[in-house]
């Protein structure tokens, strides 16, 4: 990495994939864009973490299934160590467990490898702007996973209450599900805009607030909904929407 490259305003990308052909193909495609620079390539999660810490890229293009250390573990380490580096998962894995694990690890976007070049390039730029992106089929899988995690395991017995039994309204499940009701109307509006992939700047323009104020709102919403990333907020918002 040269200082002139870092100062050029280009999006600095680290490509991570255990298949050399895919790494080189992605690198070539990204390098053809005037606003993107590939600063490194890694063949597994161990190399990805080491290179990310050394190069501090803006965006990491991350595969999930790799030797030595997989993409989920690498994503978790990178996002914890480098809060300004965003991870875009690009993989063939579309099972719910892989998707959910990647989102929980801090991935800001999740694309399948059959995505078009235009979709991938736009997602790299969107992630760099701080936006979250999930393809519709992936968002649907993660919403289903959230529903299962938040659904009550079984109905509690109600015909023989005891003095030591906790009130139903204070059970862990109901407390978790009561989070969205705790949002103010302004917070609900901002959450909906986050689900649309809007950046803080775009949200500020839409709700007529300063960008710094929007950042504070986003932080409060994350606390109320127990979310770690904007992607999780987007998923929670989508989960609340009624299905057609």
Protein backbone atom coordinates (compact mmCIF):
# COMPACT_ATOMS: atom_id res chain seq x y z
CA UNK A 1 0.00 0.00 0.00
CA UNK A 2 1.36 3.38 -0.98
CA UNK A 3 0.40 6.66 0.63
CA UNK A 4 -0.65 8.01 -2.76
CA UNK A 5 -3.08 5.11 -3.14
CA UNK A 6 -4.45 5.63 0.36
CA UNK A 7 -4.87 9.35 -0.28
CA UNK A 8 -6.54 8.88 -3.69
CA UNK A 9 -10.00 8.34 -2.22
CA UNK A 10 -10.32 4.88 -3.73
CA UNK A 11 -12.03 2.06 -1.85
CA UNK A 12 -9.30 -0.26 -0.58
CA UNK A 13 -10.38 -3.89 -0.80
CA UNK A 14 -8.92 -7.13 0.56
CA UNK A 15 -10.04 -10.23 -1.39
CA UNK A 16 -10.29 -13.45 0.63
CA UNK A 17 -10.98 -16.81 -1.03
CA UNK A 18 -9.27 -20.19 -0.91
CA UNK A 19 -9.58 -20.66 -4.68
CA UNK A 20 -6.79 -18.85 -6.51
CA UNK A 21 -8.80 -18.54 -9.73
CA UNK A 22 -11.66 -16.79 -7.95
CA UNK A 23 -9.29 -14.48 -6.06
CA UNK A 24 -7.56 -13.44 -9.26
CA UNK A 25 -10.82 -13.00 -11.13
CA UNK A 26 -12.30 -10.83 -8.38
CA UNK A 27 -9.09 -8.83 -8.14
CA UNK A 28 -9.03 -8.19 -11.89
CA UNK A 29 -12.70 -7.16 -11.98
CA UNK A 30 -12.39 -4.81 -9.01
CA UNK A 31 -9.12 -3.30 -10.25
CA UNK A 32 -10.80 -2.19 -13.48
CA UNK A 33 -12.93 0.26 -11.46
CA UNK A 34 -11.44 3.74 -11.08
CA UNK A 35 -12.69 4.12 -7.50
CA UNK A 36 -11.55 0.70 -6.20
CA UNK A 37 -8.09 -0.65 -5.39
CA UNK A 38 -7.34 -4.22 -4.33
CA UNK A 39 -4.65 -3.93 -1.66
CA UNK A 40 -4.20 -7.63 -0.93
CA UNK A 41 -5.34 -11.23 -1.37
CA UNK A 42 -5.69 -13.98 1.25
CA UNK A 43 -6.30 -17.69 0.77
CA UNK A 44 -7.78 -18.45 4.21
CA UNK A 45 -9.02 -16.84 7.40
CA UNK A 46 -5.63 -16.80 9.10
CA UNK A 47 -4.08 -14.83 6.24
CA UNK A 48 -7.17 -12.62 6.06
CA UNK A 49 -6.89 -11.50 9.68
CA UNK A 50 -3.14 -10.90 9.42
CA UNK A 51 -3.43 -8.91 6.19
CA UNK A 52 -6.43 -6.93 7.41
CA UNK A 53 -4.55 -5.86 10.54
CA UNK A 54 -1.51 -4.87 8.46
CA UNK A 55 -3.30 -3.19 5.54
CA UNK A 56 -6.47 -1.86 7.26
CA UNK A 57 -8.64 -2.12 4.12
CA UNK A 58 -11.96 -0.34 3.79
CA UNK A 59 -13.78 -3.48 2.65
CA UNK A 60 -12.98 -7.19 2.98
CA UNK A 61 -14.53 -9.46 0.36
CA UNK A 62 -14.86 -12.65 2.43
CA UNK A 63 -15.50 -16.26 1.48
CA UNK A 64 -16.87 -18.47 4.26
CA UNK A 65 -15.68 -22.03 3.62
CA UNK A 66 -11.87 -21.98 3.83
CA UNK A 67 -9.10 -24.08 5.43
CA UNK A 68 -7.34 -23.30 8.73
CA UNK A 69 -9.83 -20.58 9.70
CA UNK A 70 -13.23 -20.07 8.14
CA UNK A 71 -14.79 -16.81 7.07
CA UNK A 72 -17.10 -16.45 10.07
CA UNK A 73 -14.25 -16.59 12.59
CA UNK A 74 -12.13 -14.28 10.43
CA UNK A 75 -15.02 -11.83 10.10
CA UNK A 76 -15.51 -11.74 13.86
CA UNK A 77 -11.81 -11.06 14.51
CA UNK A 78 -11.54 -8.40 11.83
CA UNK A 79 -14.66 -6.48 12.83
CA UNK A 80 -13.66 -6.54 16.49
CA UNK A 81 -10.10 -5.36 15.82
CA UNK A 82 -10.87 -2.95 12.97
CA UNK A 83 -14.21 -1.17 13.48
CA UNK A 84 -13.74 0.94 10.34
CA UNK A 85 -13.20 -2.11 8.12
CA UNK A 86 -16.41 -3.54 6.67
CA UNK A 87 -16.87 -7.19 5.68
CA UNK A 88 -18.83 -8.22 2.59
CA UNK A 89 -19.43 -11.97 2.51
CA UNK A 90 -19.33 -13.49 -0.97
CA UNK A 91 -19.95 -17.21 -0.89
CA UNK A 92 -21.81 -20.19 -2.34
CA UNK A 93 -23.23 -21.03 1.10
CA UNK A 94 -26.86 -20.00 1.42
CA UNK A 95 -27.97 -22.19 4.34
CA UNK A 96 -29.55 -20.31 7.19
CA UNK A 97 -26.93 -21.23 9.78
CA UNK A 98 -24.06 -19.90 7.66
CA UNK A 99 -25.91 -16.68 6.88
CA UNK A 100 -26.95 -16.08 10.48
CA UNK A 101 -23.46 -16.84 11.81
CA UNK A 102 -21.86 -14.39 9.37
CA UNK A 103 -24.29 -11.61 10.28
CA UNK A 104 -23.76 -12.20 14.00
CA UNK A 105 -20.00 -12.10 13.41
CA UNK A 106 -20.33 -8.59 12.01
CA UNK A 107 -20.70 -8.99 8.23
CA UNK A 108 -22.34 -5.92 6.77
CA UNK A 109 -23.43 -7.53 3.52
CA UNK A 110 -24.02 -11.06 2.24
CA UNK A 111 -23.98 -11.97 -1.44
CA UNK A 112 -23.94 -15.29 -3.25
CA UNK A 113 -21.31 -15.96 -5.88
CA UNK A 114 -23.92 -16.01 -8.63
CA UNK A 115 -24.44 -12.26 -8.10
CA UNK A 116 -23.87 -10.09 -11.16
CA UNK A 117 -20.77 -7.92 -11.51
CA UNK A 118 -22.89 -4.79 -11.21
CA UNK A 119 -24.51 -6.08 -8.01
CA UNK A 120 -21.14 -6.92 -6.48
CA UNK A 121 -19.58 -3.58 -7.38
CA UNK A 122 -22.57 -1.63 -6.09
CA UNK A 123 -22.51 -3.65 -2.85
CA UNK A 124 -18.80 -2.92 -2.33
CA UNK A 125 -19.53 0.79 -2.71
CA UNK A 126 -22.62 0.61 -0.49
CA UNK A 127 -20.75 -1.21 2.28
CA UNK A 128 -17.99 1.40 2.09
CA UNK A 129 -20.66 4.08 2.58
CA UNK A 130 -21.78 2.30 5.73
CA UNK A 131 -24.88 0.68 4.26
CA UNK A 132 -26.04 -2.91 4.76
CA UNK A 133 -27.02 -5.17 1.89
CA UNK A 134 -28.66 -8.60 1.81
CA UNK A 135 -30.03 -10.26 -1.31
CA UNK A 136 -33.77 -10.98 -0.90
CA UNK A 137 -33.36 -14.75 -0.59
CA UNK A 138 -30.68 -14.28 2.07
CA UNK A 139 -32.76 -11.74 4.02
CA UNK A 140 -35.66 -14.19 4.00
CA UNK A 141 -33.49 -16.98 5.41
CA UNK A 142 -32.15 -14.79 8.19
CA UNK A 143 -35.62 -13.55 9.09
CA UNK A 144 -36.78 -17.15 9.39
CA UNK A 145 -33.84 -17.86 11.68
CA UNK A 146 -34.70 -14.86 13.86
CA UNK A 147 -38.31 -16.03 14.09
CA UNK A 148 -37.23 -19.43 15.34
CA UNK A 149 -34.81 -17.96 17.88
CA UNK A 150 -37.38 -15.55 19.27
CA UNK A 151 -40.37 -17.89 19.23
CA UNK A 152 -41.48 -19.30 22.61
CA UNK A 153 -40.24 -22.86 23.10
CA UNK A 154 -43.57 -23.91 24.62
CA UNK A 155 -46.66 -22.39 26.15
CA UNK A 156 -46.23 -22.09 29.95
CA UNK A 157 -48.84 -23.82 32.11
CA UNK A 158 -51.50 -21.42 33.36
CA UNK A 159 -53.96 -23.59 35.28
CA UNK A 160 -51.84 -24.08 38.42
CA UNK A 161 -49.97 -20.84 39.21
CA UNK A 162 -47.82 -20.69 42.32
CA UNK A 163 -46.66 -17.81 44.45
CA UNK A 164 -43.09 -18.36 43.29
CA UNK A 165 -43.94 -18.34 39.60
CA UNK A 166 -42.79 -15.17 37.79
CA UNK A 167 -45.49 -13.09 36.13
CA UNK A 168 -45.91 -14.05 32.48
CA UNK A 169 -45.14 -10.51 31.32
CA UNK A 170 -41.65 -10.74 32.76
CA UNK A 171 -40.53 -13.92 30.98
CA UNK A 172 -37.36 -13.67 28.93
CA UNK A 173 -39.16 -14.34 25.65
CA UNK A 174 -41.77 -11.63 26.16
CA UNK A 175 -39.10 -9.19 27.28
CA UNK A 176 -37.14 -9.88 24.07
CA UNK A 177 -40.26 -9.47 21.97
CA UNK A 178 -41.25 -6.22 23.67
CA UNK A 179 -38.17 -4.43 22.33
CA UNK A 180 -39.77 -3.02 19.14
CA UNK A 181 -42.69 -1.54 21.14
CA UNK A 182 -40.15 0.45 23.14
CA UNK A 183 -39.08 2.44 20.05
CA UNK A 184 -40.38 5.94 19.59
CA UNK A 185 -42.07 6.91 16.31
CA UNK A 186 -38.89 8.69 15.22
CA UNK A 187 -36.78 5.62 16.04
CA UNK A 188 -39.18 3.39 14.10
CA UNK A 189 -38.85 5.69 11.08
CA UNK A 190 -35.05 5.60 11.30
CA UNK A 191 -35.09 1.81 11.70
CA UNK A 192 -37.19 1.50 8.54
CA UNK A 193 -34.70 3.65 6.62
CA UNK A 194 -31.82 1.50 7.91
CA UNK A 195 -33.66 -1.55 6.56
CA UNK A 196 -33.73 0.15 3.16
CA UNK A 197 -29.92 0.35 3.28
CA UNK A 198 -29.78 4.12 3.79
CA UNK A 199 -26.62 5.71 5.17
CA UNK A 200 -26.70 8.08 8.14
CA UNK A 201 -26.34 11.00 5.76
CA UNK A 202 -29.30 9.86 3.66
CA UNK A 203 -31.39 9.23 6.78
CA UNK A 204 -30.54 12.70 8.10
CA UNK A 205 -31.82 14.26 4.88
CA UNK A 206 -35.01 12.17 4.97
CA UNK A 207 -35.97 12.97 8.58
CA UNK A 208 -34.55 16.51 8.68
CA UNK A 209 -31.98 15.91 11.41
CA UNK A 210 -28.24 16.48 11.70
CA UNK A 211 -26.11 13.49 10.76
CA UNK A 212 -24.64 13.39 14.27
CA UNK A 213 -28.14 13.24 15.74
CA UNK A 214 -28.97 10.32 13.47
CA UNK A 215 -25.85 8.49 14.69
CA UNK A 216 -27.09 8.91 18.26
CA UNK A 217 -30.51 7.58 17.30
CA UNK A 218 -28.93 4.55 15.62
CA UNK A 219 -26.87 3.82 18.73
CA UNK A 220 -29.97 3.98 20.94
CA UNK A 221 -31.92 1.73 18.58
CA UNK A 222 -29.09 -0.83 18.64
CA UNK A 223 -29.16 -0.80 22.44
CA UNK A 224 -32.93 -1.25 22.61
CA UNK A 225 -32.99 -4.09 20.07
CA UNK A 226 -29.76 -5.71 21.31
CA UNK A 227 -28.22 -5.50 17.84
CA UNK A 228 -24.49 -5.35 17.13
CA UNK A 229 -24.55 -4.13 13.53
CA UNK A 230 -26.73 -2.17 11.11
CA UNK A 231 -27.31 -5.43 9.24
CA UNK A 232 -28.93 -6.93 12.32
CA UNK A 233 -31.10 -3.83 12.65
CA UNK A 234 -32.18 -4.22 9.04
CA UNK A 235 -33.07 -7.86 9.61
CA UNK A 236 -35.02 -7.08 12.77
CA UNK A 237 -36.98 -4.41 10.90
CA UNK A 238 -37.76 -6.79 8.06
CA UNK A 239 -38.80 -9.47 10.55
CA UNK A 240 -41.40 -7.13 12.02
CA UNK A 241 -43.03 -6.50 8.64
CA UNK A 242 -46.08 -8.69 7.94
CA UNK A 243 -45.62 -11.27 5.20
CA UNK A 244 -47.66 -10.86 2.05
